[in-house]
Amino acid sequence: MAFAGKWETESQEGYDEFCKLLGIPAETMEKGRDYKLITEVTQNGADFTWTQVYPTDARVTNTFTIGKESDMVTIGGKKFKMMMTLLTPPPPHHTSEICGGKLIEISTSGSHVLKRTSKKI
């Protein structure tokens, strides 16, 4: 998947818990909870520049290389180290079985699942 480009937040889960883990002040958390962040990503092989643009025009830019520990910073200025990994979906998987006299086939690729039920003719 090509990460490069501009991305706008549609939804987020676990915001409060993650912000607390990083030590982001409650006031900053409250301000940012419903922000529609714009994330700008440039990629050159395994090297990335990842910029988050907030509605206040504040920007946080982090650069990292996949598989190497990198210095990062939060919108609140807190510095931390993180190793980034690139997840790729597992190869497609297929199972077939006879259940109740029917052929049941399930094909999975990433988060996509196809289940097909066939009758014998």
PDB file of N, CA and C in Angstrom:
ATOM      1  N   MET A   1       0.842  -1.178   0.000  1.00  0.00           N
ATOM      2  CA  MET A   1       0.000   0.000   0.000  1.00  0.00           C
ATOM      3  C   MET A   1       0.878   1.229   0.000  1.00  0.00           C
ATOM      4  N   ALA A   2       0.515   2.209  -0.785  1.00  0.00           N
ATOM      5  CA  ALA A   2       1.273   3.462  -0.843  1.00  0.00           C
ATOM      6  C   ALA A   2       0.789   4.383   0.280  1.00  0.00           C
ATOM      7  N   PHE A   3       1.671   4.681   1.214  1.00  0.00           N
ATOM      8  CA  PHE A   3       1.320   5.558   2.313  1.00  0.00           C
ATOM      9  C   PHE A   3       1.384   7.028   1.917  1.00  0.00           C
ATOM     10  N   ALA A   4       2.177   7.363   0.927  1.00  0.00           N
ATOM     11  CA  ALA A   4       2.404   8.761   0.562  1.00  0.00           C
ATOM     12  C   ALA A   4       1.097   9.446   0.198  1.00  0.00           C
ATOM     13  N   GLY A   5       0.956  10.694   0.656  1.00  0.00           N
ATOM     14  CA  GLY A   5      -0.224  11.487   0.346  1.00  0.00           C
ATOM     15  C   GLY A   5      -0.749  12.191   1.577  1.00  0.00           C
ATOM     16  N   LYS A   6      -1.949  12.774   1.440  1.00  0.00           N
ATOM     17  CA  LYS A   6      -2.616  13.464   2.548  1.00  0.00           C
ATOM     18  C   LYS A   6      -3.813  12.635   2.987  1.00  0.00           C
ATOM     19  N   TRP A   7      -3.956  12.506   4.303  1.00  0.00           N
ATOM     20  CA  TRP A   7      -5.007  11.696   4.903  1.00  0.00           C
ATOM     21  C   TRP A   7      -5.736  12.531   5.954  1.00  0.00           C
ATOM     22  N   GLU A   8      -7.071  12.437   6.012  1.00  0.00           N
ATOM     23  CA  GLU A   8      -7.857  13.152   7.016  1.00  0.00           C
ATOM     24  C   GLU A   8      -8.504  12.148   7.964  1.00  0.00           C
ATOM     25  N   THR A   9      -8.442  12.419   9.271  1.00  0.00           N
ATOM     26  CA  THR A   9      -9.026  11.544  10.274  1.00  0.00           C
ATOM     27  C   THR A   9     -10.526  11.401  10.053  1.00  0.00           C
ATOM     28  N   GLU A  10     -11.003  10.150  10.036  1.00  0.00           N
ATOM     29  CA  GLU A  10     -12.436   9.877   9.987  1.00  0.00           C
ATOM     30  C   GLU A  10     -12.945   9.447  11.355  1.00  0.00           C
ATOM     31  N   SER A  11     -12.172   8.630  12.067  1.00  0.00           N
ATOM     32  CA  SER A  11     -12.561   8.164  13.402  1.00  0.00           C
ATOM     33  C   SER A  11     -11.302   7.718  14.122  1.00  0.00           C
ATOM     34  N   GLN A  12     -11.431   7.565  15.437  1.00  0.00           N
ATOM     35  CA  GLN A  12     -10.311   7.055  16.232  1.00  0.00           C
ATOM     36  C   GLN A  12     -10.851   6.324  17.444  1.00  0.00           C
ATOM     37  N   GLU A  13     -10.105   5.331  17.897  1.00  0.00           N
ATOM     38  CA  GLU A  13     -10.471   4.529  19.054  1.00  0.00           C
ATOM     39  C   GLU A  13      -9.289   4.500  20.015  1.00  0.00           C
ATOM     40  N   GLY A  14      -9.559   4.497  21.312  1.00  0.00           N
ATOM     41  CA  GLY A  14      -8.508   4.400  22.317  1.00  0.00           C
ATOM     42  C   GLY A  14      -7.723   5.686  22.512  1.00  0.00           C
ATOM     43  N   TYR A  15      -8.294   6.815  22.084  1.00  0.00           N
ATOM     44  CA  TYR A  15      -7.603   8.114  22.135  1.00  0.00           C
ATOM     45  C   TYR A  15      -7.151   8.464  23.555  1.00  0.00           C
ATOM     46  N   ASP A  16      -8.089   8.462  24.514  1.00  0.00           N
ATOM     47  CA  ASP A  16      -7.757   8.896  25.874  1.00  0.00           C
ATOM     48  C   ASP A  16      -6.666   8.038  26.502  1.00  0.00           C
ATOM     49  N   GLU A  17      -6.814   6.713  26.380  1.00  0.00           N
ATOM     50  CA  GLU A  17      -5.847   5.811  26.994  1.00  0.00           C
ATOM     51  C   GLU A  17      -4.447   6.000  26.396  1.00  0.00           C
ATOM     52  N   PHE A  18      -4.384   6.163  25.082  1.00  0.00           N
ATOM     53  CA  PHE A  18      -3.088   6.326  24.434  1.00  0.00           C
ATOM     54  C   PHE A  18      -2.448   7.660  24.818  1.00  0.00           C
ATOM     55  N   CYS A  19      -3.233   8.723  24.833  1.00  0.00           N
ATOM     56  CA  CYS A  19      -2.697  10.037  25.221  1.00  0.00           C
ATOM     57  C   CYS A  19      -2.174  10.016  26.651  1.00  0.00           C
ATOM     58  N   LYS A  20      -2.918   9.366  27.542  1.00  0.00           N
ATOM     59  CA  LYS A  20      -2.470   9.257  28.940  1.00  0.00           C
ATOM     60  C   LYS A  20      -1.152   8.499  29.024  1.00  0.00           C
ATOM     61  N   LEU A  21      -1.040   7.422  28.256  1.00  0.00           N
ATOM     62  CA  LEU A  21       0.189   6.628  28.234  1.00  0.00           C
ATOM     63  C   LEU A  21       1.387   7.484  27.830  1.00  0.00           C
ATOM     64  N   LEU A  22       1.179   8.402  26.882  1.00  0.00           N
ATOM     65  CA  LEU A  22       2.265   9.269  26.415  1.00  0.00           C
ATOM     66  C   LEU A  22       2.469  10.492  27.303  1.00  0.00           C
ATOM     67  N   GLY A  23       1.622  10.656  28.317  1.00  0.00           N
ATOM     68  CA  GLY A  23       1.772  11.778  29.231  1.00  0.00           C
ATOM     69  C   GLY A  23       1.276  13.099  28.668  1.00  0.00           C
ATOM     70  N   ILE A  24       0.355  13.057  27.731  1.00  0.00           N
ATOM     71  CA  ILE A  24      -0.192  14.285  27.151  1.00  0.00           C
ATOM     72  C   ILE A  24      -1.119  14.917  28.177  1.00  0.00           C
ATOM     73  N   PRO A  25      -0.967  16.210  28.452  1.00  0.00           N
ATOM     74  CA  PRO A  25      -1.800  16.880  29.453  1.00  0.00           C
ATOM     75  C   PRO A  25      -3.292  16.803  29.109  1.00  0.00           C
ATOM     76  N   ALA A  26      -4.141  16.730  30.148  1.00  0.00           N
ATOM     77  CA  ALA A  26      -5.596  16.607  29.972  1.00  0.00           C
ATOM     78  C   ALA A  26      -6.159  17.735  29.110  1.00  0.00           C
ATOM     79  N   GLU A  27      -5.653  18.946  29.281  1.00  0.00           N
ATOM     80  CA  GLU A  27      -6.141  20.092  28.492  1.00  0.00           C
ATOM     81  C   GLU A  27      -5.859  19.882  26.999  1.00  0.00           C
ATOM     82  N   THR A  28      -4.681  19.388  26.685  1.00  0.00           N
ATOM     83  CA  THR A  28      -4.314  19.120  25.286  1.00  0.00           C
ATOM     84  C   THR A  28      -5.156  17.981  24.735  1.00  0.00           C
ATOM     85  N   MET A  29      -5.382  16.949  25.566  1.00  0.00           N
ATOM     86  CA  MET A  29      -6.223  15.831  25.139  1.00  0.00           C
ATOM     87  C   MET A  29      -7.630  16.306  24.787  1.00  0.00           C
ATOM     88  N   GLU A  30      -8.184  17.138  25.637  1.00  0.00           N
ATOM     89  CA  GLU A  30      -9.556  17.627  25.422  1.00  0.00           C
ATOM     90  C   GLU A  30      -9.653  18.433  24.131  1.00  0.00           C
ATOM     91  N   LYS A  31      -8.679  19.290  23.899  1.00  0.00           N
ATOM     92  CA  LYS A  31      -8.685  20.099  22.676  1.00  0.00           C
ATOM     93  C   LYS A  31      -8.593  19.227  21.427  1.00  0.00           C
ATOM     94  N   GLY A  32      -7.814  18.142  21.517  1.00  0.00           N
ATOM     95  CA  GLY A  32      -7.550  17.345  20.332  1.00  0.00           C
ATOM     96  C   GLY A  32      -8.525  16.211  20.071  1.00  0.00           C
ATOM     97  N   ARG A  33      -9.416  15.945  21.018  1.00  0.00           N
ATOM     98  CA  ARG A  33     -10.286  14.777  20.919  1.00  0.00           C
ATOM     99  C   ARG A  33     -11.081  14.719  19.616  1.00  0.00           C
ATOM    100  N   ASP A  34     -11.649  15.813  19.178  1.00  0.00           N
ATOM    101  CA  ASP A  34     -12.505  15.803  17.988  1.00  0.00           C
ATOM    102  C   ASP A  34     -11.853  16.465  16.774  1.00  0.00           C
ATOM    103  N   TYR A  35     -10.563  16.700  16.847  1.00  0.00           N
ATOM    104  CA  TYR A  35      -9.875  17.296  15.703  1.00  0.00           C
ATOM    105  C   TYR A  35      -9.944  16.386  14.484  1.00  0.00           C
ATOM    106  N   LYS A  36     -10.037  16.990  13.344  1.00  0.00           N
ATOM    107  CA  LYS A  36      -9.893  16.279  12.083  1.00  0.00           C
ATOM    108  C   LYS A  36      -8.465  16.568  11.612  1.00  0.00           C
ATOM    109  N   LEU A  37      -7.549  15.724  12.037  1.00  0.00           N
ATOM    110  CA  LEU A  37      -6.144  15.902  11.682  1.00  0.00           C
ATOM    111  C   LEU A  37      -5.924  15.616  10.202  1.00  0.00           C
ATOM    112  N   ILE A  38      -4.998  16.331   9.631  1.00  0.00           N
ATOM    113  CA  ILE A  38      -4.511  16.020   8.296  1.00  0.00           C
ATOM    114  C   ILE A  38      -3.122  15.422   8.499  1.00  0.00           C
ATOM    115  N   THR A  39      -2.920  14.222   7.988  1.00  0.00           N
ATOM    116  CA  THR A  39      -1.621  13.561   8.077  1.00  0.00           C
ATOM    117  C   THR A  39      -1.008  13.563   6.689  1.00  0.00           C
ATOM    118  N   GLU A  40       0.170  14.159   6.589  1.00  0.00           N
ATOM    119  CA  GLU A  40       0.897  14.228   5.319  1.00  0.00           C
ATOM    120  C   GLU A  40       2.074  13.262   5.403  1.00  0.00           C
ATOM    121  N   VAL A  41       2.143  12.347   4.453  1.00  0.00           N
ATOM    122  CA  VAL A  41       3.172  11.313   4.487  1.00  0.00           C
ATOM    123  C   VAL A  41       3.987  11.357   3.205  1.00  0.00           C
ATOM    124  N   THR A  42       5.306  11.380   3.374  1.00  0.00           N
ATOM    125  CA  THR A  42       6.198  11.167   2.232  1.00  0.00           C
ATOM    126  C   THR A  42       7.002   9.916   2.534  1.00  0.00           C
ATOM    127  N   GLN A  43       7.276   9.155   1.496  1.00  0.00           N
ATOM    128  CA  GLN A  43       7.976   7.887   1.652  1.00  0.00           C
ATOM    129  C   GLN A  43       9.039   7.754   0.576  1.00  0.00           C
ATOM    130  N   ASN A  44      10.218   7.332   1.010  1.00  0.00           N
ATOM    131  CA  ASN A  44      11.308   7.024   0.095  1.00  0.00           C
ATOM    132  C   ASN A  44      11.869   5.684   0.544  1.00  0.00           C
ATOM    133  N   GLY A  45      11.347   4.609  -0.040  1.00  0.00           N
ATOM    134  CA  GLY A  45      11.748   3.273   0.396  1.00  0.00           C
ATOM    135  C   GLY A  45      11.263   3.033   1.812  1.00  0.00           C
ATOM    136  N   ALA A  46      12.180   2.739   2.730  1.00  0.00           N
ATOM    137  CA  ALA A  46      11.830   2.490   4.127  1.00  0.00           C
ATOM    138  C   ALA A  46      11.861   3.752   4.980  1.00  0.00           C
ATOM    139  N   ASP A  47      12.202   4.896   4.374  1.00  0.00           N
ATOM    140  CA  ASP A  47      12.288   6.172   5.102  1.00  0.00           C
ATOM    141  C   ASP A  47      10.996   6.969   4.933  1.00  0.00           C
ATOM    142  N   PHE A  48      10.468   7.454   6.056  1.00  0.00           N
ATOM    143  CA  PHE A  48       9.210   8.185   6.057  1.00  0.00           C
ATOM    144  C   PHE A  48       9.357   9.531   6.743  1.00  0.00           C
ATOM    145  N   THR A  49       8.601  10.498   6.267  1.00  0.00           N
ATOM    146  CA  THR A  49       8.357  11.745   6.991  1.00  0.00           C
ATOM    147  C   THR A  49       6.855  11.805   7.190  1.00  0.00           C
ATOM    148  N   TRP A  50       6.442  11.955   8.448  1.00  0.00           N
ATOM    149  CA  TRP A  50       5.045  11.840   8.840  1.00  0.00           C
ATOM    150  C   TRP A  50       4.686  13.134   9.566  1.00  0.00           C
ATOM    151  N   THR A  51       3.886  13.992   8.940  1.00  0.00           N
ATOM    152  CA  THR A  51       3.519  15.273   9.526  1.00  0.00           C
ATOM    153  C   THR A  51       2.029  15.295   9.825  1.00  0.00           C
ATOM    154  N   GLN A  52       1.691  15.651  11.055  1.00  0.00           N
ATOM    155  CA  GLN A  52       0.286  15.817  11.417  1.00  0.00           C
ATOM    156  C   GLN A  52       0.009  17.302  11.552  1.00  0.00           C
ATOM    157  N   VAL A  53      -1.021  17.755  10.820  1.00  0.00           N
ATOM    158  CA  VAL A  53      -1.407  19.167  10.811  1.00  0.00           C
ATOM    159  C   VAL A  53      -2.726  19.287  11.565  1.00  0.00           C
ATOM    160  N   TYR A  54      -2.712  20.099  12.604  1.00  0.00           N
ATOM    161  CA  TYR A  54      -3.885  20.292  13.450  1.00  0.00           C
ATOM    162  C   TYR A  54      -4.697  21.479  12.957  1.00  0.00           C
ATOM    163  N   PRO A  55      -5.998  21.534  13.311  1.00  0.00           N
ATOM    164  CA  PRO A  55      -6.847  22.646  12.859  1.00  0.00           C
ATOM    165  C   PRO A  55      -6.321  24.021  13.274  1.00  0.00           C
ATOM    166  N   THR A  56      -5.493  24.067  14.296  1.00  0.00           N
ATOM    167  CA  THR A  56      -4.904  25.333  14.740  1.00  0.00           C
ATOM    168  C   THR A  56      -3.683  25.700  13.915  1.00  0.00           C
ATOM    169  N   ASP A  57      -3.374  24.880  12.892  1.00  0.00           N
ATOM    170  CA  ASP A  57      -2.188  24.992  12.037  1.00  0.00           C
ATOM    171  C   ASP A  57      -0.896  24.592  12.748  1.00  0.00           C
ATOM    172  N   ALA A  58      -1.026  24.033  13.963  1.00  0.00           N
ATOM    173  CA  ALA A  58       0.157  23.462  14.615  1.00  0.00           C
ATOM    174  C   ALA A  58       0.552  22.220  13.835  1.00  0.00           C
ATOM    175  N   ARG A  59       1.846  21.945  13.770  1.00  0.00           N
ATOM    176  CA  ARG A  59       2.358  20.798  13.023  1.00  0.00           C
ATOM    177  C   ARG A  59       3.337  20.017  13.886  1.00  0.00           C
ATOM    178  N   VAL A  60       3.274  18.706  13.742  1.00  0.00           N
ATOM    179  CA  VAL A  60       4.262  17.832  14.364  1.00  0.00           C
ATOM    180  C   VAL A  60       4.801  16.952  13.251  1.00  0.00           C
ATOM    181  N   THR A  61       6.115  16.971  13.079  1.00  0.00           N
ATOM    182  CA  THR A  61       6.742  16.160  12.040  1.00  0.00           C
ATOM    183  C   THR A  61       7.718  15.185  12.677  1.00  0.00           C
ATOM    184  N   ASN A  62       7.573  13.919  12.320  1.00  0.00           N
ATOM    185  CA  ASN A  62       8.492  12.880  12.757  1.00  0.00           C
ATOM    186  C   ASN A  62       9.041  12.177  11.524  1.00  0.00           C
ATOM    187  N   THR A  63      10.307  11.826  11.584  1.00  0.00           N
ATOM    188  CA  THR A  63      10.910  11.047  10.504  1.00  0.00           C
ATOM    189  C   THR A  63      11.374   9.730  11.106  1.00  0.00           C
ATOM    190  N   PHE A  64      11.246   8.676  10.332  1.00  0.00           N
ATOM    191  CA  PHE A  64      11.645   7.368  10.830  1.00  0.00           C
ATOM    192  C   PHE A  64      11.965   6.452   9.664  1.00  0.00           C
ATOM    193  N   THR A  65      12.656   5.364  10.001  1.00  0.00           N
ATOM    194  CA  THR A  65      12.976   4.315   9.046  1.00  0.00           C
ATOM    195  C   THR A  65      12.370   3.029   9.581  1.00  0.00           C
ATOM    196  N   ILE A  66      11.656   2.328   8.720  1.00  0.00           N
ATOM    197  CA  ILE A  66      11.020   1.070   9.120  1.00  0.00           C
ATOM    198  C   ILE A  66      12.083   0.122   9.680  1.00  0.00           C
ATOM    199  N   GLY A  67      11.783  -0.452  10.852  1.00  0.00           N
ATOM    200  CA  GLY A  67      12.675  -1.431  11.467  1.00  0.00           C
ATOM    201  C   GLY A  67      13.793  -0.856  12.309  1.00  0.00           C
ATOM    202  N   LYS A  68      13.870   0.471  12.424  1.00  0.00           N
ATOM    203  CA  LYS A  68      14.915   1.104  13.243  1.00  0.00           C
ATOM    204  C   LYS A  68      14.255   1.978  14.306  1.00  0.00           C
ATOM    205  N   GLU A  69      14.843   1.989  15.500  1.00  0.00           N
ATOM    206  CA  GLU A  69      14.324   2.843  16.560  1.00  0.00           C
ATOM    207  C   GLU A  69      14.530   4.306  16.169  1.00  0.00           C
ATOM    208  N   SER A  70      13.487   5.114  16.395  1.00  0.00           N
ATOM    209  CA  SER A  70      13.542   6.526  16.003  1.00  0.00           C
ATOM    210  C   SER A  70      13.098   7.412  17.156  1.00  0.00           C
ATOM    211  N   ASP A  71      13.626   8.630  17.176  1.00  0.00           N
ATOM    212  CA  ASP A  71      13.187   9.634  18.134  1.00  0.00           C
ATOM    213  C   ASP A  71      11.929  10.283  17.593  1.00  0.00           C
ATOM    214  N   MET A  72      10.891  10.344  18.437  1.00  0.00           N
ATOM    215  CA  MET A  72       9.609  10.909  18.041  1.00  0.00           C
ATOM    216  C   MET A  72       9.232  12.001  19.036  1.00  0.00           C
ATOM    217  N   VAL A  73       8.226  12.811  18.654  1.00  0.00           N
ATOM    218  CA  VAL A  73       7.737  13.861  19.532  1.00  0.00           C
ATOM    219  C   VAL A  73       6.219  13.959  19.385  1.00  0.00           C
ATOM    220  N   THR A  74       5.525  14.252  20.488  1.00  0.00           N
ATOM    221  CA  THR A  74       4.070  14.426  20.472  1.00  0.00           C
ATOM    222  C   THR A  74       3.736  15.899  20.243  1.00  0.00           C
ATOM    223  N   ILE A  75       2.456  16.179  20.031  1.00  0.00           N
ATOM    224  CA  ILE A  75       2.005  17.562  19.878  1.00  0.00           C
ATOM    225  C   ILE A  75       2.304  18.372  21.142  1.00  0.00           C
ATOM    226  N   GLY A  76       2.350  17.699  22.295  1.00  0.00           N
ATOM    227  CA  GLY A  76       2.658  18.375  23.551  1.00  0.00           C
ATOM    228  C   GLY A  76       4.150  18.556  23.788  1.00  0.00           C
ATOM    229  N   GLY A  77       4.978  18.100  22.842  1.00  0.00           N
ATOM    230  CA  GLY A  77       6.419  18.279  22.965  1.00  0.00           C
ATOM    231  C   GLY A  77       7.133  17.149  23.691  1.00  0.00           C
ATOM    232  N   LYS A  78       6.397  16.131  24.130  1.00  0.00           N
ATOM    233  CA  LYS A  78       7.027  15.009  24.833  1.00  0.00           C
ATOM    234  C   LYS A  78       7.792  14.153  23.830  1.00  0.00           C
ATOM    235  N   LYS A  79       9.045  13.837  24.172  1.00  0.00           N
ATOM    236  CA  LYS A  79       9.891  13.030  23.293  1.00  0.00           C
ATOM    237  C   LYS A  79       9.886  11.578  23.765  1.00  0.00           C
ATOM    238  N   PHE A  80       9.922  10.673  22.813  1.00  0.00           N
ATOM    239  CA  PHE A  80       9.966   9.253  23.121  1.00  0.00           C
ATOM    240  C   PHE A  80      10.607   8.517  21.954  1.00  0.00           C
ATOM    241  N   LYS A  81      10.951   7.260  22.182  1.00  0.00           N
ATOM    242  CA  LYS A  81      11.538   6.431  21.127  1.00  0.00           C
ATOM    243  C   LYS A  81      10.505   5.395  20.706  1.00  0.00           C
ATOM    244  N   MET A  82      10.511   5.087  19.405  1.00  0.00           N
ATOM    245  CA  MET A  82       9.563   4.113  18.882  1.00  0.00           C
ATOM    246  C   MET A  82      10.185   3.402  17.692  1.00  0.00           C
ATOM    247  N   MET A  83       9.873   2.116  17.565  1.00  0.00           N
ATOM    248  CA  MET A  83      10.290   1.389  16.371  1.00  0.00           C
ATOM    249  C   MET A  83       9.045   1.158  15.529  1.00  0.00           C
ATOM    250  N   MET A  84       9.099   1.565  14.284  1.00  0.00           N
ATOM    251  CA  MET A  84       7.976   1.416  13.375  1.00  0.00           C
ATOM    252  C   MET A  84       8.161   0.143  12.560  1.00  0.00           C
ATOM    253  N   THR A  85       7.052  -0.543  12.336  1.00  0.00           N
ATOM    254  CA  THR A  85       7.063  -1.713  11.476  1.00  0.00           C
ATOM    255  C   THR A  85       6.006  -1.532  10.405  1.00  0.00           C
ATOM    256  N   LEU A  86       6.200  -2.159   9.303  1.00  0.00           N
ATOM    257  CA  LEU A  86       5.258  -2.103   8.195  1.00  0.00           C
ATOM    258  C   LEU A  86       4.542  -3.439   8.148  1.00  0.00           C
ATOM    259  N   LEU A  87       3.238  -3.406   8.380  1.00  0.00           N
ATOM    260  CA  LEU A  87       2.460  -4.637   8.368  1.00  0.00           C
ATOM    261  C   LEU A  87       1.944  -4.908   6.971  1.00  0.00           C
ATOM    262  N   THR A  88       2.118  -6.110   6.550  1.00  0.00           N
ATOM    263  CA  THR A  88       1.565  -6.519   5.265  1.00  0.00           C
ATOM    264  C   THR A  88       0.548  -7.616   5.538  1.00  0.00           C
ATOM    265  N   PRO A  89      -0.522  -7.643   4.763  1.00  0.00           N
ATOM    266  CA  PRO A  89      -1.516  -8.676   5.032  1.00  0.00           C
ATOM    267  C   PRO A  89      -0.941 -10.063   4.759  1.00  0.00           C
ATOM    268  N   PRO A  90      -1.442 -11.043   5.509  1.00  0.00           N
ATOM    269  CA  PRO A  90      -0.967 -12.407   5.242  1.00  0.00           C
ATOM    270  C   PRO A  90      -1.430 -12.839   3.860  1.00  0.00           C
ATOM    271  N   PRO A  91      -0.781 -13.843   3.313  1.00  0.00           N
ATOM    272  CA  PRO A  91      -1.212 -14.303   1.990  1.00  0.00           C
ATOM    273  C   PRO A  91      -2.647 -14.826   2.071  1.00  0.00           C
ATOM    274  N   PRO A  92      -3.341 -14.825   0.953  1.00  0.00           N
ATOM    275  CA  PRO A  92      -4.715 -15.352   0.968  1.00  0.00           C
ATOM    276  C   PRO A  92      -4.739 -16.773   1.513  1.00  0.00           C
ATOM    277  N   HIS A  93      -5.844 -17.099   2.164  1.00  0.00           N
ATOM    278  CA  HIS A  93      -6.009 -18.403   2.791  1.00  0.00           C
ATOM    279  C   HIS A  93      -7.351 -18.971   2.356  1.00  0.00           C
ATOM    280  N   HIS A  94      -7.404 -20.263   2.119  1.00  0.00           N
ATOM    281  CA  HIS A  94      -8.646 -20.883   1.658  1.00  0.00           C
ATOM    282  C   HIS A  94      -8.865 -22.197   2.397  1.00  0.00           C
ATOM    283  N   THR A  95     -10.099 -22.398   2.878  1.00  0.00           N
ATOM    284  CA  THR A  95     -10.486 -23.682   3.465  1.00  0.00           C
ATOM    285  C   THR A  95     -11.753 -24.167   2.781  1.00  0.00           C
ATOM    286  N   SER A  96     -11.877 -25.477   2.720  1.00  0.00           N
ATOM    287  CA  SER A  96     -13.077 -26.111   2.159  1.00  0.00           C
ATOM    288  C   SER A  96     -13.461 -27.264   3.071  1.00  0.00           C
ATOM    289  N   GLU A  97     -14.749 -27.437   3.265  1.00  0.00           N
ATOM    290  CA  GLU A  97     -15.232 -28.562   4.059  1.00  0.00           C
ATOM    291  C   GLU A  97     -16.632 -28.947   3.593  1.00  0.00           C
ATOM    292  N   ILE A  98     -17.008 -30.181   3.884  1.00  0.00           N
ATOM    293  CA  ILE A  98     -18.369 -30.643   3.635  1.00  0.00           C
ATOM    294  C   ILE A  98     -19.082 -30.580   4.979  1.00  0.00           C
ATOM    295  N   CYS A  99     -20.179 -29.863   5.017  1.00  0.00           N
ATOM    296  CA  CYS A  99     -20.938 -29.683   6.257  1.00  0.00           C
ATOM    297  C   CYS A  99     -22.421 -29.806   5.921  1.00  0.00           C
ATOM    298  N   GLY A 100     -23.091 -30.792   6.495  1.00  0.00           N
ATOM    299  CA  GLY A 100     -24.512 -30.970   6.221  1.00  0.00           C
ATOM    300  C   GLY A 100     -24.791 -31.260   4.759  1.00  0.00           C
ATOM    301  N   GLY A 101     -23.872 -31.947   4.095  1.00  0.00           N
ATOM    302  CA  GLY A 101     -24.053 -32.279   2.695  1.00  0.00           C
ATOM    303  C   GLY A 101     -23.773 -31.130   1.743  1.00  0.00           C
ATOM    304  N   LYS A 102     -23.261 -30.031   2.236  1.00  0.00           N
ATOM    305  CA  LYS A 102     -22.943 -28.870   1.395  1.00  0.00           C
ATOM    306  C   LYS A 102     -21.444 -28.605   1.414  1.00  0.00           C
ATOM    307  N   LEU A 103     -20.958 -28.043   0.330  1.00  0.00           N
ATOM    308  CA  LEU A 103     -19.562 -27.636   0.233  1.00  0.00           C
ATOM    309  C   LEU A 103     -19.467 -26.212   0.774  1.00  0.00           C
ATOM    310  N   ILE A 104     -18.672 -26.017   1.812  1.00  0.00           N
ATOM    311  CA  ILE A 104     -18.467 -24.690   2.411  1.00  0.00           C
ATOM    312  C   ILE A 104     -17.030 -24.284   2.116  1.00  0.00           C
ATOM    313  N   GLU A 105     -16.859 -23.152   1.428  1.00  0.00           N
ATOM    314  CA  GLU A 105     -15.542 -22.619   1.100  1.00  0.00           C
ATOM    315  C   GLU A 105     -15.398 -21.246   1.753  1.00  0.00           C
ATOM    316  N   ILE A 106     -14.274 -21.032   2.392  1.00  0.00           N
ATOM    317  CA  ILE A 106     -13.999 -19.725   2.997  1.00  0.00           C
ATOM    318  C   ILE A 106     -12.638 -19.258   2.498  1.00  0.00           C
ATOM    319  N   SER A 107     -12.630 -18.113   1.846  1.00  0.00           N
ATOM    320  CA  SER A 107     -11.392 -17.501   1.355  1.00  0.00           C
ATOM    321  C   SER A 107     -11.181 -16.200   2.114  1.00  0.00           C
ATOM    322  N   THR A 108      -9.949 -16.001   2.606  1.00  0.00           N
ATOM    323  CA  THR A 108      -9.615 -14.811   3.374  1.00  0.00           C
ATOM    324  C   THR A 108      -8.389 -14.154   2.766  1.00  0.00           C
ATOM    325  N   SER A 109      -8.457 -12.841   2.620  1.00  0.00           N
ATOM    326  CA  SER A 109      -7.310 -12.059   2.166  1.00  0.00           C
ATOM    327  C   SER A 109      -7.324 -10.751   2.952  1.00  0.00           C
ATOM    328  N   GLY A 110      -6.362 -10.589   3.861  1.00  0.00           N
ATOM    329  CA  GLY A 110      -6.368  -9.405   4.720  1.00  0.00           C
ATOM    330  C   GLY A 110      -7.615  -9.436   5.581  1.00  0.00           C
ATOM    331  N   SER A 111      -8.391  -8.355   5.558  1.00  0.00           N
ATOM    332  CA  SER A 111      -9.615  -8.291   6.347  1.00  0.00           C
ATOM    333  C   SER A 111     -10.845  -8.688   5.537  1.00  0.00           C
ATOM    334  N   HIS A 112     -10.643  -9.128   4.312  1.00  0.00           N
ATOM    335  CA  HIS A 112     -11.761  -9.505   3.439  1.00  0.00           C
ATOM    336  C   HIS A 112     -11.995 -11.006   3.508  1.00  0.00           C
ATOM    337  N   VAL A 113     -13.275 -11.373   3.664  1.00  0.00           N
ATOM    338  CA  VAL A 113     -13.636 -12.781   3.774  1.00  0.00           C
ATOM    339  C   VAL A 113     -14.755 -13.087   2.793  1.00  0.00           C
ATOM    340  N   LEU A 114     -14.582 -14.160   2.040  1.00  0.00           N
ATOM    341  CA  LEU A 114     -15.618 -14.662   1.145  1.00  0.00           C
ATOM    342  C   LEU A 114     -16.000 -16.052   1.627  1.00  0.00           C
ATOM    343  N   LYS A 115     -17.290 -16.220   1.918  1.00  0.00           N
ATOM    344  CA  LYS A 115     -17.797 -17.545   2.299  1.00  0.00           C
ATOM    345  C   LYS A 115     -18.772 -17.972   1.219  1.00  0.00           C
ATOM    346  N   ARG A 116     -18.529 -19.138   0.658  1.00  0.00           N
ATOM    347  CA  ARG A 116     -19.387 -19.653  -0.409  1.00  0.00           C
ATOM    348  C   ARG A 116     -19.926 -21.009   0.021  1.00  0.00           C
ATOM    349  N   THR A 117     -21.235 -21.168  -0.085  1.00  0.00           N
ATOM    350  CA  THR A 117     -21.900 -22.432   0.220  1.00  0.00           C
ATOM    351  C   THR A 117     -22.476 -22.977  -1.087  1.00  0.00           C
ATOM    352  N   SER A 118     -22.177 -24.242  -1.397  1.00  0.00           N
ATOM    353  CA  SER A 118     -22.656 -24.855  -2.645  1.00  0.00           C
ATOM    354  C   SER A 118     -23.380 -26.149  -2.330  1.00  0.00           C
ATOM    355  N   LYS A 119     -24.404 -26.430  -3.130  1.00  0.00           N
ATOM    356  CA  LYS A 119     -25.112 -27.714  -3.010  1.00  0.00           C
ATOM    357  C   LYS A 119     -24.633 -28.623  -4.127  1.00  0.00           C
ATOM    358  N   LYS A 120     -24.695 -29.922  -3.858  1.00  0.00           N
ATOM    359  CA  LYS A 120     -24.260 -30.907  -4.851  1.00  0.00           C
ATOM    360  C   LYS A 120     -25.382 -31.067  -5.889  1.00  0.00           C
ATOM    361  N   ILE A 121     -25.022 -31.113  -7.156  1.00  0.00           N
ATOM    362  CA  ILE A 121     -26.036 -31.291  -8.221  1.00  0.00           C
ATOM    363  C   ILE A 121     -25.761 -32.555  -9.007  1.00  0.00           C
TER     364      ILE A 121
END
